[in-house]
Amino acid sequence: MYPDEFEYHSADSVESAVSLLAENPDAELIAGGHSL
């Protein structure tokens, strides 16, 4: 089974993360420990 393609963005601050989420309403957050 292969995962779907996705676009990865790495925020360097909380403000940047909030901005990225606002620009991409379908975005989901991931945290350490998840396998891609």
C-alpha atoms as a PDB file:
ATOM      1  CA  MET A   1       0.000   0.000   0.000  1.00  0.00           C
ATOM      2  CA  TYR A   2       1.376   3.387  -0.975  1.00  0.00           C
ATOM      3  CA  PRO A   3       0.408   6.635   0.762  1.00  0.00           C
ATOM      4  CA  ASP A   4      -1.304   9.401  -1.171  1.00  0.00           C
ATOM      5  CA  GLU A   5       0.886  12.232  -2.378  1.00  0.00           C
ATOM      6  CA  PHE A   6       0.949  15.244  -0.111  1.00  0.00           C
ATOM      7  CA  GLU A   7       2.581  18.637   0.151  1.00  0.00           C
ATOM      8  CA  TYR A   8       4.727  19.206   3.247  1.00  0.00           C
ATOM      9  CA  HIS A   9       5.303  22.606   4.859  1.00  0.00           C
ATOM     10  CA  SER A  10       7.484  23.147   7.904  1.00  0.00           C
ATOM     11  CA  ALA A  11       6.594  26.147  10.039  1.00  0.00           C
ATOM     12  CA  ASP A  12       9.360  27.800  12.042  1.00  0.00           C
ATOM     13  CA  SER A  13       7.053  29.646  14.439  1.00  0.00           C
ATOM     14  CA  VAL A  14       3.514  29.558  15.767  1.00  0.00           C
ATOM     15  CA  GLU A  15       2.650  32.590  13.649  1.00  0.00           C
ATOM     16  CA  SER A  16       3.931  30.830  10.533  1.00  0.00           C
ATOM     17  CA  ALA A  17       1.933  27.695  11.373  1.00  0.00           C
ATOM     18  CA  VAL A  18      -1.260  29.706  11.865  1.00  0.00           C
ATOM     19  CA  SER A  19      -0.669  31.490   8.560  1.00  0.00           C
ATOM     20  CA  LEU A  20      -0.089  28.215   6.695  1.00  0.00           C
ATOM     21  CA  LEU A  21      -3.260  26.731   8.191  1.00  0.00           C
ATOM     22  CA  ALA A  22      -5.265  29.813   7.223  1.00  0.00           C
ATOM     23  CA  GLU A  23      -3.986  29.592   3.632  1.00  0.00           C
ATOM     24  CA  ASN A  24      -4.691  25.838   3.393  1.00  0.00           C
ATOM     25  CA  PRO A  25      -8.055  25.014   5.005  1.00  0.00           C
ATOM     26  CA  ASP A  26      -7.708  21.286   4.209  1.00  0.00           C
ATOM     27  CA  ALA A  27      -4.298  21.092   5.911  1.00  0.00           C
ATOM     28  CA  GLU A  28      -3.652  18.718   8.782  1.00  0.00           C
ATOM     29  CA  LEU A  29      -1.017  18.960  11.479  1.00  0.00           C
ATOM     30  CA  ILE A  30       1.438  16.131  12.079  1.00  0.00           C
ATOM     31  CA  ALA A  31       3.820  15.703  14.997  1.00  0.00           C
ATOM     32  CA  GLY A  32       6.878  13.598  15.688  1.00  0.00           C
ATOM     33  CA  GLY A  33       6.470   9.853  15.808  1.00  0.00           C
ATOM     34  CA  HIS A  34       4.236   9.568  12.743  1.00  0.00           C
ATOM     35  CA  SER A  35       5.460   7.546   9.811  1.00  0.00           C
ATOM     36  CA  LEU A  36       4.971   9.133   6.430  1.00  0.00           C
END
